């Protein structure tokens, strides 16, 4: 009798969710180019989304190996 561990796709799901957050931040920079404060916060959102996306992929990517 063999037992197989069912894997989770949490790394892909979280990675894509945070990547969408990064794209929203980048689009906010594009839309709010005339207002430096809003563009700055949009840049911060884009960077945070990118960092969290990569962190989620690394944290949950090799749980089943």
Protein backbone atom coordinates (compact mmCIF):
# COMPACT_ATOMS: atom_id res chain seq x y z
CA UNK A 1 0.00 0.00 0.00
CA UNK A 2 1.45 3.35 -0.96
CA UNK A 3 0.55 6.70 0.45
CA UNK A 4 0.69 9.81 -1.67
CA UNK A 5 0.76 13.29 -0.23
CA UNK A 6 -1.59 15.69 -1.91
CA UNK A 7 0.16 18.93 -2.74
CA UNK A 8 -1.08 22.45 -2.44
CA UNK A 9 -0.98 25.18 -5.03
CA UNK A 10 -0.75 27.92 -2.43
CA UNK A 11 2.53 29.22 -3.85
CA UNK A 12 0.97 29.75 -7.26
CA UNK A 13 -2.21 31.30 -5.85
CA UNK A 14 -0.48 33.68 -3.47
CA UNK A 15 2.15 34.53 -6.06
CA UNK A 16 -0.51 35.46 -8.60
CA UNK A 17 -2.57 37.40 -6.06
CA UNK A 18 0.39 39.51 -5.01
CA UNK A 19 1.45 39.92 -8.65
CA UNK A 20 -1.99 41.37 -9.40
CA UNK A 21 -1.45 43.74 -6.48
CA UNK A 22 1.85 44.80 -8.03
CA UNK A 23 0.19 45.41 -11.39
CA UNK A 24 -2.51 47.52 -9.72
CA UNK A 25 0.21 49.59 -8.07
CA UNK A 26 2.01 50.05 -11.37
CA UNK A 27 -1.24 51.09 -13.05
CA UNK A 28 -1.80 53.56 -10.21
CA UNK A 29 1.57 55.12 -10.98
CA UNK A 30 0.59 55.42 -14.62
CA UNK A 31 -2.76 57.04 -13.84
CA UNK A 32 -1.53 59.37 -11.09
CA UNK A 33 1.63 60.69 -12.73
CA UNK A 34 0.65 64.30 -12.00
CA UNK A 35 0.31 63.74 -8.23
CA UNK A 36 3.63 62.74 -6.66
CA UNK A 37 2.14 61.54 -3.37
CA UNK A 38 -0.33 59.16 -5.01
CA UNK A 39 2.31 57.98 -7.47
CA UNK A 40 4.69 57.36 -4.57
CA UNK A 41 2.15 55.27 -2.68
CA UNK A 42 1.34 53.39 -5.88
CA UNK A 43 5.04 52.67 -6.32
CA UNK A 44 5.21 51.40 -2.74
CA UNK A 45 2.22 49.15 -3.41
CA UNK A 46 3.84 47.81 -6.59
CA UNK A 47 7.13 47.06 -4.85
CA UNK A 48 5.43 45.46 -1.84
CA UNK A 49 3.28 43.32 -4.12
CA UNK A 50 6.32 42.15 -6.07
CA UNK A 51 8.29 41.34 -2.94
CA UNK A 52 5.38 39.46 -1.38
CA UNK A 53 4.77 37.58 -4.62
CA UNK A 54 8.32 36.27 -4.75
CA UNK A 55 8.35 35.56 -1.01
CA UNK A 56 5.14 33.52 -1.27
CA UNK A 57 6.55 31.46 -4.13
CA UNK A 58 9.73 30.76 -2.17
CA UNK A 59 8.01 30.04 1.11
CA UNK A 60 5.35 27.67 -0.20
CA UNK A 61 7.07 26.38 -3.33
CA UNK A 62 8.97 23.41 -1.93
CA UNK A 63 6.72 22.27 0.92
CA UNK A 64 5.91 18.98 -0.80
CA UNK A 65 9.42 18.00 -1.84
